[in-house]
Amino acid sequence: MKALKQLCIVSLFFYLPLRSMAWGPEGHRVTAQIAESYLTAKAKKNIKKILGNESIAMAANWADFIKSDSNYNYLSPWHYINLPDQLSYAQFTSYLTSDTATDAYVKINFLITALKNKATPQAQKSMYLRLLIHITGDVHQPMHVSREADQGGNKIKLMWFNTSTNLHRVWDEDLIQFQQLSFTEYAKAINYTTPVQRAAWQNDALAKWFYESHEIAMHLYNEINQPDQKLGYRYNFDHIAILNEQLLKGGVRLAGLLNQIFG
């Protein structure tokens, strides 16, 4: 019976729509841990009223874990956005301005408004806060602001050293796990910013967050030139700075949002 239960759990995991997974549990916790270090005292107090003793790092993966409940299937498109290639920044922002789809850009704006609204019920605020923490991390994972045709790189099959993977999973988990750090160790290792840098990142328009990730995604696509291309030490060397900056930016910008809403 125990073996059957384990098999069902594993089967459920592989059934879940991988298109909406981002950073993996560790990456989301790194971003949230960084954000927590920049929260104002007032924001921390108000967030605690919603999350209780749960840290935002622990709350960061609720939006992925809840996929085990089919009642929440409607949330899957909230994690990403599909965009045309080769847009200028002006075209990109114009596209987002007219965006009415169910996607990460529209839903981040919705969540910010709902969390600022004092009339939003506490139970809803708990869900919305967990979603905002998670989706802010999602949009800093480049393959979540990319192409519909290949499901954000999920259909681009690769080898990570000697293990089968895909472009999306490389950026979700493979690169992060390769560093062999806990999420607290990882956050501590990369969390170095100046007040000027933090202010600049937090003042960036939401559209710029998405544009930066999209530009990185286009570059990552162009690097893959053959089926089952093998990635390893060199790929890590060439991309670790990009990975770390995206995790760091996600954390700093998340803190800015939370301070704006709750501070």
C-alpha atoms as a PDB file:
ATOM      1  CA  MET A   1       0.000   0.000   0.000  1.00  0.00           C
ATOM      2  CA  LYS A   2       2.841   2.347   0.893  1.00  0.00           C
ATOM      3  CA  ALA A   3       4.550   1.614  -2.436  1.00  0.00           C
ATOM      4  CA  LEU A   4       1.302   2.331  -4.307  1.00  0.00           C
ATOM      5  CA  LYS A   5       0.924   5.663  -2.505  1.00  0.00           C
ATOM      6  CA  GLN A   6       4.498   6.645  -3.409  1.00  0.00           C
ATOM      7  CA  LEU A   7       3.875   5.700  -7.041  1.00  0.00           C
ATOM      8  CA  CYS A   8       0.766   7.895  -7.130  1.00  0.00           C
ATOM      9  CA  ILE A   9       2.688  10.854  -5.724  1.00  0.00           C
ATOM     10  CA  VAL A  10       5.487  10.446  -8.286  1.00  0.00           C
ATOM     11  CA  SER A  11       2.959  10.071 -11.106  1.00  0.00           C
ATOM     12  CA  LEU A  12       1.166  13.213  -9.986  1.00  0.00           C
ATOM     13  CA  PHE A  13       4.428  15.156 -10.054  1.00  0.00           C
ATOM     14  CA  PHE A  14       5.117  14.223 -13.659  1.00  0.00           C
ATOM     15  CA  TYR A  15       1.529  14.982 -14.630  1.00  0.00           C
ATOM     16  CA  LEU A  16       1.784  18.558 -13.432  1.00  0.00           C
ATOM     17  CA  PRO A  17       2.232  21.190 -16.179  1.00  0.00           C
ATOM     18  CA  LEU A  18       5.965  21.844 -16.194  1.00  0.00           C
ATOM     19  CA  ARG A  19       5.538  25.062 -18.181  1.00  0.00           C
ATOM     20  CA  SER A  20       4.655  26.877 -14.980  1.00  0.00           C
ATOM     21  CA  MET A  21       7.496  25.625 -12.795  1.00  0.00           C
ATOM     22  CA  ALA A  22      10.198  28.207 -12.172  1.00  0.00           C
ATOM     23  CA  TRP A  23      13.489  28.310 -10.261  1.00  0.00           C
ATOM     24  CA  GLY A  24      12.498  25.138  -8.421  1.00  0.00           C
ATOM     25  CA  PRO A  25      11.947  25.276  -4.638  1.00  0.00           C
ATOM     26  CA  GLU A  26      15.504  26.388  -3.867  1.00  0.00           C
ATOM     27  CA  GLY A  27      15.583  29.288  -6.310  1.00  0.00           C
ATOM     28  CA  HIS A  28      12.292  30.669  -5.053  1.00  0.00           C
ATOM     29  CA  ARG A  29      13.524  30.464  -1.468  1.00  0.00           C
ATOM     30  CA  VAL A  30      16.783  32.223  -2.373  1.00  0.00           C
ATOM     31  CA  THR A  31      14.857  35.113  -3.901  1.00  0.00           C
ATOM     32  CA  ALA A  32      12.443  35.333  -0.961  1.00  0.00           C
ATOM     33  CA  GLN A  33      15.256  35.100   1.590  1.00  0.00           C
ATOM     34  CA  ILE A  34      16.984  38.042  -0.086  1.00  0.00           C
ATOM     35  CA  ALA A  35      13.727  39.995  -0.118  1.00  0.00           C
ATOM     36  CA  GLU A  36      13.239  39.402   3.592  1.00  0.00           C
ATOM     37  CA  SER A  37      16.577  41.087   4.328  1.00  0.00           C
ATOM     38  CA  TYR A  38      15.322  44.366   2.803  1.00  0.00           C
ATOM     39  CA  LEU A  39      11.843  44.576   4.336  1.00  0.00           C
ATOM     40  CA  THR A  40      10.959  47.538   6.516  1.00  0.00           C
ATOM     41  CA  ALA A  41       9.909  46.871  10.123  1.00  0.00           C
ATOM     42  CA  LYS A  42       6.341  47.890   9.279  1.00  0.00           C
ATOM     43  CA  ALA A  43       6.200  45.597   6.256  1.00  0.00           C
ATOM     44  CA  LYS A  44       7.486  42.669   8.330  1.00  0.00           C
ATOM     45  CA  LYS A  45       4.837  43.328  10.971  1.00  0.00           C
ATOM     46  CA  ASN A  46       1.986  43.497   8.447  1.00  0.00           C
ATOM     47  CA  ILE A  47       3.191  40.442   6.534  1.00  0.00           C
ATOM     48  CA  LYS A  48       3.358  38.509   9.809  1.00  0.00           C
ATOM     49  CA  LYS A  49      -0.321  39.318  10.376  1.00  0.00           C
ATOM     50  CA  ILE A  50      -1.042  37.452   7.140  1.00  0.00           C
ATOM     51  CA  LEU A  51       1.512  34.626   7.141  1.00  0.00           C
ATOM     52  CA  GLY A  52       1.879  34.142  10.893  1.00  0.00           C
ATOM     53  CA  ASN A  53       5.158  32.431  11.735  1.00  0.00           C
ATOM     54  CA  GLU A  54       5.715  31.309   8.136  1.00  0.00           C
ATOM     55  CA  SER A  55       8.646  33.140   6.550  1.00  0.00           C
ATOM     56  CA  ILE A  56       8.272  34.470   3.036  1.00  0.00           C
ATOM     57  CA  ALA A  57      11.005  32.017   1.997  1.00  0.00           C
ATOM     58  CA  MET A  58       8.794  29.139   3.131  1.00  0.00           C
ATOM     59  CA  ALA A  59       5.712  30.732   1.562  1.00  0.00           C
ATOM     60  CA  ALA A  60       7.506  31.170  -1.768  1.00  0.00           C
ATOM     61  CA  ASN A  61       6.688  27.708  -3.139  1.00  0.00           C
ATOM     62  CA  TRP A  62       3.015  27.488  -2.188  1.00  0.00           C
ATOM     63  CA  ALA A  63       1.993  28.385  -5.745  1.00  0.00           C
ATOM     64  CA  ASP A  64       3.842  25.340  -7.118  1.00  0.00           C
ATOM     65  CA  PHE A  65       2.897  22.953  -4.317  1.00  0.00           C
ATOM     66  CA  ILE A  66      -0.812  23.753  -4.716  1.00  0.00           C
ATOM     67  CA  LYS A  67      -0.734  22.259  -8.213  1.00  0.00           C
ATOM     68  CA  SER A  68      -1.431  18.924  -6.533  1.00  0.00           C
ATOM     69  CA  ASP A  69      -4.994  20.230  -6.036  1.00  0.00           C
ATOM     70  CA  SER A  70      -6.957  20.361  -9.303  1.00  0.00           C
ATOM     71  CA  ASN A  71      -9.132  23.153  -7.863  1.00  0.00           C
ATOM     72  CA  TYR A  72      -6.170  25.462  -8.455  1.00  0.00           C
ATOM     73  CA  ASN A  73      -5.451  24.485 -12.065  1.00  0.00           C
ATOM     74  CA  TYR A  74      -6.666  27.914 -13.154  1.00  0.00           C
ATOM     75  CA  LEU A  75      -3.526  29.434 -11.600  1.00  0.00           C
ATOM     76  CA  SER A  76      -1.082  27.770 -14.018  1.00  0.00           C
ATOM     77  CA  PRO A  77      -1.056  30.601 -16.625  1.00  0.00           C
ATOM     78  CA  TRP A  78      -0.320  33.126 -13.861  1.00  0.00           C
ATOM     79  CA  HIS A  79       3.300  31.934 -13.694  1.00  0.00           C
ATOM     80  CA  TYR A  80       4.534  33.004 -17.144  1.00  0.00           C
ATOM     81  CA  ILE A  81       3.938  35.064 -20.262  1.00  0.00           C
ATOM     82  CA  ASN A  82       4.401  34.252 -23.948  1.00  0.00           C
ATOM     83  CA  LEU A  83       5.732  37.031 -26.158  1.00  0.00           C
ATOM     84  CA  PRO A  84       6.826  37.549 -29.768  1.00  0.00           C
ATOM     85  CA  ASP A  85      10.565  37.523 -30.470  1.00  0.00           C
ATOM     86  CA  GLN A  86      12.747  40.522 -31.306  1.00  0.00           C
ATOM     87  CA  LEU A  87      10.617  43.311 -29.862  1.00  0.00           C
ATOM     88  CA  SER A  88      12.169  46.680 -29.090  1.00  0.00           C
ATOM     89  CA  TYR A  89      11.573  47.976 -25.565  1.00  0.00           C
ATOM     90  CA  ALA A  90       8.946  50.412 -26.903  1.00  0.00           C
ATOM     91  CA  GLN A  91       7.152  47.589 -28.742  1.00  0.00           C
ATOM     92  CA  PHE A  92       7.464  45.365 -25.691  1.00  0.00           C
ATOM     93  CA  THR A  93       5.915  47.920 -23.323  1.00  0.00           C
ATOM     94  CA  SER A  94       3.184  48.669 -25.863  1.00  0.00           C
ATOM     95  CA  TYR A  95       2.393  44.965 -26.030  1.00  0.00           C
ATOM     96  CA  LEU A  96       2.133  44.723 -22.248  1.00  0.00           C
ATOM     97  CA  THR A  97       0.018  47.873 -21.987  1.00  0.00           C
ATOM     98  CA  SER A  98      -2.646  46.270 -24.167  1.00  0.00           C
ATOM     99  CA  ASP A  99      -2.263  42.857 -22.512  1.00  0.00           C
ATOM    100  CA  THR A 100      -5.524  41.370 -21.225  1.00  0.00           C
ATOM    101  CA  ALA A 101      -4.498  37.705 -21.176  1.00  0.00           C
ATOM    102  CA  THR A 102      -4.261  35.569 -18.065  1.00  0.00           C
ATOM    103  CA  ASP A 103      -0.512  35.760 -17.595  1.00  0.00           C
ATOM    104  CA  ALA A 104       2.175  36.842 -15.119  1.00  0.00           C
ATOM    105  CA  TYR A 105       2.161  40.525 -16.090  1.00  0.00           C
ATOM    106  CA  VAL A 106      -1.587  40.980 -15.769  1.00  0.00           C
ATOM    107  CA  LYS A 107      -1.760  38.950 -12.572  1.00  0.00           C
ATOM    108  CA  ILE A 108       1.113  40.709 -10.765  1.00  0.00           C
ATOM    109  CA  ASN A 109      -0.743  43.980 -11.319  1.00  0.00           C
ATOM    110  CA  PHE A 110      -3.957  42.378 -10.078  1.00  0.00           C
ATOM    111  CA  LEU A 111      -2.261  40.988  -6.960  1.00  0.00           C
ATOM    112  CA  ILE A 112      -0.669  44.327  -6.054  1.00  0.00           C
ATOM    113  CA  THR A 113      -4.053  46.084  -6.302  1.00  0.00           C
ATOM    114  CA  ALA A 114      -5.846  43.376  -4.327  1.00  0.00           C
ATOM    115  CA  LEU A 115      -3.258  43.357  -1.530  1.00  0.00           C
ATOM    116  CA  LYS A 116      -3.425  47.143  -1.205  1.00  0.00           C
ATOM    117  CA  ASN A 117      -7.208  47.017  -0.927  1.00  0.00           C
ATOM    118  CA  LYS A 118      -8.225  47.037   2.761  1.00  0.00           C
ATOM    119  CA  ALA A 119     -11.522  45.377   1.832  1.00  0.00           C
ATOM    120  CA  THR A 120      -9.798  42.221   0.555  1.00  0.00           C
ATOM    121  CA  PRO A 121     -10.627  39.386   3.012  1.00  0.00           C
ATOM    122  CA  GLN A 122      -7.757  38.067   5.121  1.00  0.00           C
ATOM    123  CA  ALA A 123      -8.011  34.561   3.630  1.00  0.00           C
ATOM    124  CA  GLN A 124      -7.694  36.031   0.135  1.00  0.00           C
ATOM    125  CA  LYS A 125      -4.744  38.165   1.192  1.00  0.00           C
ATOM    126  CA  SER A 126      -2.935  35.055   2.413  1.00  0.00           C
ATOM    127  CA  MET A 127      -3.329  33.391  -0.977  1.00  0.00           C
ATOM    128  CA  TYR A 128      -2.555  36.545  -2.934  1.00  0.00           C
ATOM    129  CA  LEU A 129       0.593  37.288  -0.938  1.00  0.00           C
ATOM    130  CA  ARG A 130       1.933  33.773  -1.526  1.00  0.00           C
ATOM    131  CA  LEU A 131       1.198  34.146  -5.223  1.00  0.00           C
ATOM    132  CA  LEU A 132       2.898  37.540  -5.464  1.00  0.00           C
ATOM    133  CA  ILE A 133       6.027  36.244  -3.726  1.00  0.00           C
ATOM    134  CA  HIS A 134       6.179  33.303  -6.108  1.00  0.00           C
ATOM    135  CA  ILE A 135       5.308  34.995  -9.395  1.00  0.00           C
ATOM    136  CA  THR A 136       7.770  37.825  -8.796  1.00  0.00           C
ATOM    137  CA  GLY A 137      10.426  35.106  -8.627  1.00  0.00           C
ATOM    138  CA  ASP A 138       8.991  33.408 -11.706  1.00  0.00           C
ATOM    139  CA  VAL A 139       9.365  36.408 -13.998  1.00  0.00           C
ATOM    140  CA  HIS A 140      13.060  36.692 -13.188  1.00  0.00           C
ATOM    141  CA  GLN A 141      13.574  33.163 -14.532  1.00  0.00           C
ATOM    142  CA  PRO A 142      14.198  34.000 -18.217  1.00  0.00           C
ATOM    143  CA  MET A 143      12.357  31.007 -19.648  1.00  0.00           C
ATOM    144  CA  HIS A 144       9.134  32.259 -18.072  1.00  0.00           C
ATOM    145  CA  VAL A 145       9.145  35.257 -20.380  1.00  0.00           C
ATOM    146  CA  SER A 146       9.702  33.454 -23.647  1.00  0.00           C
ATOM    147  CA  ARG A 147       8.074  31.437 -26.418  1.00  0.00           C
ATOM    148  CA  GLU A 148       4.802  29.555 -26.431  1.00  0.00           C
ATOM    149  CA  ALA A 149       5.876  27.220 -29.259  1.00  0.00           C
ATOM    150  CA  ASP A 150       8.454  25.358 -27.158  1.00  0.00           C
ATOM    151  CA  GLN A 151       6.640  25.829 -23.821  1.00  0.00           C
ATOM    152  CA  GLY A 152       9.308  28.124 -22.459  1.00  0.00           C
ATOM    153  CA  GLY A 153      12.148  25.797 -23.394  1.00  0.00           C
ATOM    154  CA  ASN A 154      10.519  22.619 -22.058  1.00  0.00           C
ATOM    155  CA  LYS A 155      10.515  21.125 -25.566  1.00  0.00           C
ATOM    156  CA  ILE A 156      14.193  21.932 -26.171  1.00  0.00           C
ATOM    157  CA  LYS A 157      15.846  18.705 -25.062  1.00  0.00           C
ATOM    158  CA  LEU A 158      19.394  18.914 -23.735  1.00  0.00           C
ATOM    159  CA  MET A 159      21.944  17.018 -21.676  1.00  0.00           C
ATOM    160  CA  TRP A 160      23.131  18.408 -18.355  1.00  0.00           C
ATOM    161  CA  PHE A 161      26.444  16.593 -18.094  1.00  0.00           C
ATOM    162  CA  ASN A 162      25.168  13.015 -18.639  1.00  0.00           C
ATOM    163  CA  THR A 163      21.565  13.552 -17.572  1.00  0.00           C
ATOM    164  CA  SER A 164      18.652  14.288 -19.897  1.00  0.00           C
ATOM    165  CA  THR A 165      17.050  17.657 -19.277  1.00  0.00           C
ATOM    166  CA  ASN A 166      15.616  20.610 -21.197  1.00  0.00           C
ATOM    167  CA  LEU A 167      16.362  24.313 -21.457  1.00  0.00           C
ATOM    168  CA  HIS A 168      13.625  25.259 -19.020  1.00  0.00           C
ATOM    169  CA  ARG A 169      14.787  22.798 -16.376  1.00  0.00           C
ATOM    170  CA  VAL A 170      18.410  23.903 -16.742  1.00  0.00           C
ATOM    171  CA  TRP A 171      17.339  27.349 -15.540  1.00  0.00           C
ATOM    172  CA  ASP A 172      14.751  26.109 -13.051  1.00  0.00           C
ATOM    173  CA  GLU A 173      16.972  23.710 -11.181  1.00  0.00           C
ATOM    174  CA  ASP A 174      20.078  22.263 -12.849  1.00  0.00           C
ATOM    175  CA  LEU A 175      22.253  25.387 -12.599  1.00  0.00           C
ATOM    176  CA  ILE A 176      21.072  26.213  -9.086  1.00  0.00           C
ATOM    177  CA  GLN A 177      21.555  22.694  -7.746  1.00  0.00           C
ATOM    178  CA  PHE A 178      24.996  22.543  -9.335  1.00  0.00           C
ATOM    179  CA  GLN A 179      26.171  25.215  -6.879  1.00  0.00           C
ATOM    180  CA  GLN A 180      25.558  22.753  -3.985  1.00  0.00           C
ATOM    181  CA  LEU A 181      24.374  25.405  -1.527  1.00  0.00           C
ATOM    182  CA  SER A 182      21.350  25.532   0.748  1.00  0.00           C
ATOM    183  CA  PHE A 183      18.960  28.382   0.018  1.00  0.00           C
ATOM    184  CA  THR A 184      20.206  30.323   3.038  1.00  0.00           C
ATOM    185  CA  GLU A 185      23.849  29.796   2.009  1.00  0.00           C
ATOM    186  CA  TYR A 186      23.037  30.816  -1.569  1.00  0.00           C
ATOM    187  CA  ALA A 187      21.193  33.969  -0.527  1.00  0.00           C
ATOM    188  CA  LYS A 188      24.072  34.970   1.760  1.00  0.00           C
ATOM    189  CA  ALA A 189      26.632  34.300  -0.991  1.00  0.00           C
ATOM    190  CA  ILE A 190      25.033  36.625  -3.570  1.00  0.00           C
ATOM    191  CA  ASN A 191      23.209  39.230  -1.482  1.00  0.00           C
ATOM    192  CA  TYR A 192      25.567  42.160  -1.973  1.00  0.00           C
ATOM    193  CA  THR A 193      23.972  45.382  -3.201  1.00  0.00           C
ATOM    194  CA  THR A 194      24.424  49.088  -2.631  1.00  0.00           C
ATOM    195  CA  PRO A 195      21.553  51.409  -1.662  1.00  0.00           C
ATOM    196  CA  VAL A 196      21.868  53.060  -5.079  1.00  0.00           C
ATOM    197  CA  GLN A 197      21.630  49.721  -6.870  1.00  0.00           C
ATOM    198  CA  ARG A 198      18.624  48.628  -4.818  1.00  0.00           C
ATOM    199  CA  ALA A 199      16.849  51.918  -5.454  1.00  0.00           C
ATOM    200  CA  ALA A 200      17.461  51.633  -9.200  1.00  0.00           C
ATOM    201  CA  TRP A 201      16.155  48.071  -9.422  1.00  0.00           C
ATOM    202  CA  GLN A 202      13.121  48.821  -7.282  1.00  0.00           C
ATOM    203  CA  ASN A 203      12.272  51.918  -9.319  1.00  0.00           C
ATOM    204  CA  ASP A 204      12.348  49.985 -12.601  1.00  0.00           C
ATOM    205  CA  ALA A 205       8.941  49.670 -14.242  1.00  0.00           C
ATOM    206  CA  LEU A 206       7.345  46.245 -14.058  1.00  0.00           C
ATOM    207  CA  ALA A 207       7.614  46.062 -17.847  1.00  0.00           C
ATOM    208  CA  LYS A 208      11.398  46.348 -17.563  1.00  0.00           C
ATOM    209  CA  TRP A 209      11.556  43.250 -15.335  1.00  0.00           C
ATOM    210  CA  PHE A 210       9.839  41.283 -18.059  1.00  0.00           C
ATOM    211  CA  TYR A 211      11.895  42.829 -20.854  1.00  0.00           C
ATOM    212  CA  GLU A 212      15.182  41.951 -19.157  1.00  0.00           C
ATOM    213  CA  SER A 213      14.133  38.329 -18.731  1.00  0.00           C
ATOM    214  CA  HIS A 214      12.878  38.157 -22.309  1.00  0.00           C
ATOM    215  CA  GLU A 215      16.158  39.511 -23.682  1.00  0.00           C
ATOM    216  CA  ILE A 216      18.087  36.897 -21.687  1.00  0.00           C
ATOM    217  CA  ALA A 217      15.739  34.177 -22.941  1.00  0.00           C
ATOM    218  CA  MET A 218      16.343  35.176 -26.567  1.00  0.00           C
ATOM    219  CA  HIS A 219      20.099  34.950 -25.963  1.00  0.00           C
ATOM    220  CA  LEU A 220      19.733  31.517 -24.332  1.00  0.00           C
ATOM    221  CA  TYR A 221      17.717  30.234 -27.273  1.00  0.00           C
ATOM    222  CA  ASN A 222      20.376  31.387 -29.728  1.00  0.00           C
ATOM    223  CA  GLU A 223      23.104  29.458 -27.897  1.00  0.00           C
ATOM    224  CA  ILE A 224      21.428  26.106 -28.510  1.00  0.00           C
ATOM    225  CA  ASN A 225      22.400  24.873 -31.953  1.00  0.00           C
ATOM    226  CA  GLN A 226      21.819  21.119 -31.932  1.00  0.00           C
ATOM    227  CA  PRO A 227      19.404  18.531 -30.500  1.00  0.00           C
ATOM    228  CA  ASP A 228      20.456  17.041 -27.147  1.00  0.00           C
ATOM    229  CA  GLN A 229      23.301  19.550 -26.882  1.00  0.00           C
ATOM    230  CA  LYS A 230      25.508  18.722 -23.895  1.00  0.00           C
ATOM    231  CA  LEU A 231      25.900  21.417 -21.255  1.00  0.00           C
ATOM    232  CA  GLY A 232      28.248  21.305 -18.295  1.00  0.00           C
ATOM    233  CA  TYR A 233      31.123  23.144 -16.647  1.00  0.00           C
ATOM    234  CA  ARG A 234      31.505  25.722 -19.413  1.00  0.00           C
ATOM    235  CA  TYR A 235      27.794  26.530 -19.441  1.00  0.00           C
ATOM    236  CA  ASN A 236      27.886  27.066 -15.705  1.00  0.00           C
ATOM    237  CA  PHE A 237      30.958  29.304 -16.016  1.00  0.00           C
ATOM    238  CA  ASP A 238      29.367  31.396 -18.764  1.00  0.00           C
ATOM    239  CA  HIS A 239      25.959  31.805 -17.103  1.00  0.00           C
ATOM    240  CA  ILE A 240      26.395  31.794 -13.339  1.00  0.00           C
ATOM    241  CA  ALA A 241      26.662  35.606 -13.158  1.00  0.00           C
ATOM    242  CA  ILE A 242      23.371  35.982 -15.081  1.00  0.00           C
ATOM    243  CA  LEU A 243      21.672  33.412 -12.864  1.00  0.00           C
ATOM    244  CA  ASN A 244      22.852  35.078  -9.667  1.00  0.00           C
ATOM    245  CA  GLU A 245      21.869  38.554 -10.803  1.00  0.00           C
ATOM    246  CA  GLN A 246      18.360  37.384 -11.727  1.00  0.00           C
ATOM    247  CA  LEU A 247      17.924  35.728  -8.326  1.00  0.00           C
ATOM    248  CA  LEU A 248      19.236  38.863  -6.625  1.00  0.00           C
ATOM    249  CA  LYS A 249      17.126  41.271  -8.670  1.00  0.00           C
ATOM    250  CA  GLY A 250      14.056  39.163  -7.976  1.00  0.00           C
ATOM    251  CA  GLY A 251      14.683  39.408  -4.250  1.00  0.00           C
ATOM    252  CA  VAL A 252      15.414  43.129  -4.207  1.00  0.00           C
ATOM    253  CA  ARG A 253      12.401  43.931  -6.367  1.00  0.00           C
ATOM    254  CA  LEU A 254      10.137  41.676  -4.323  1.00  0.00           C
ATOM    255  CA  ALA A 255      11.206  43.575  -1.200  1.00  0.00           C
ATOM    256  CA  GLY A 256      10.383  46.830  -2.961  1.00  0.00           C
ATOM    257  CA  LEU A 257       6.898  45.587  -3.818  1.00  0.00           C
ATOM    258  CA  LEU A 258       6.217  44.291  -0.322  1.00  0.00           C
ATOM    259  CA  ASN A 259       7.458  47.514   1.279  1.00  0.00           C
ATOM    260  CA  GLN A 260       5.244  49.495  -1.082  1.00  0.00           C
ATOM    261  CA  ILE A 261       2.179  47.388  -0.226  1.00  0.00           C
ATOM    262  CA  PHE A 262       2.730  46.746   3.478  1.00  0.00           C
ATOM    263  CA  GLY A 263       5.263  49.346   4.609  1.00  0.00           C
END
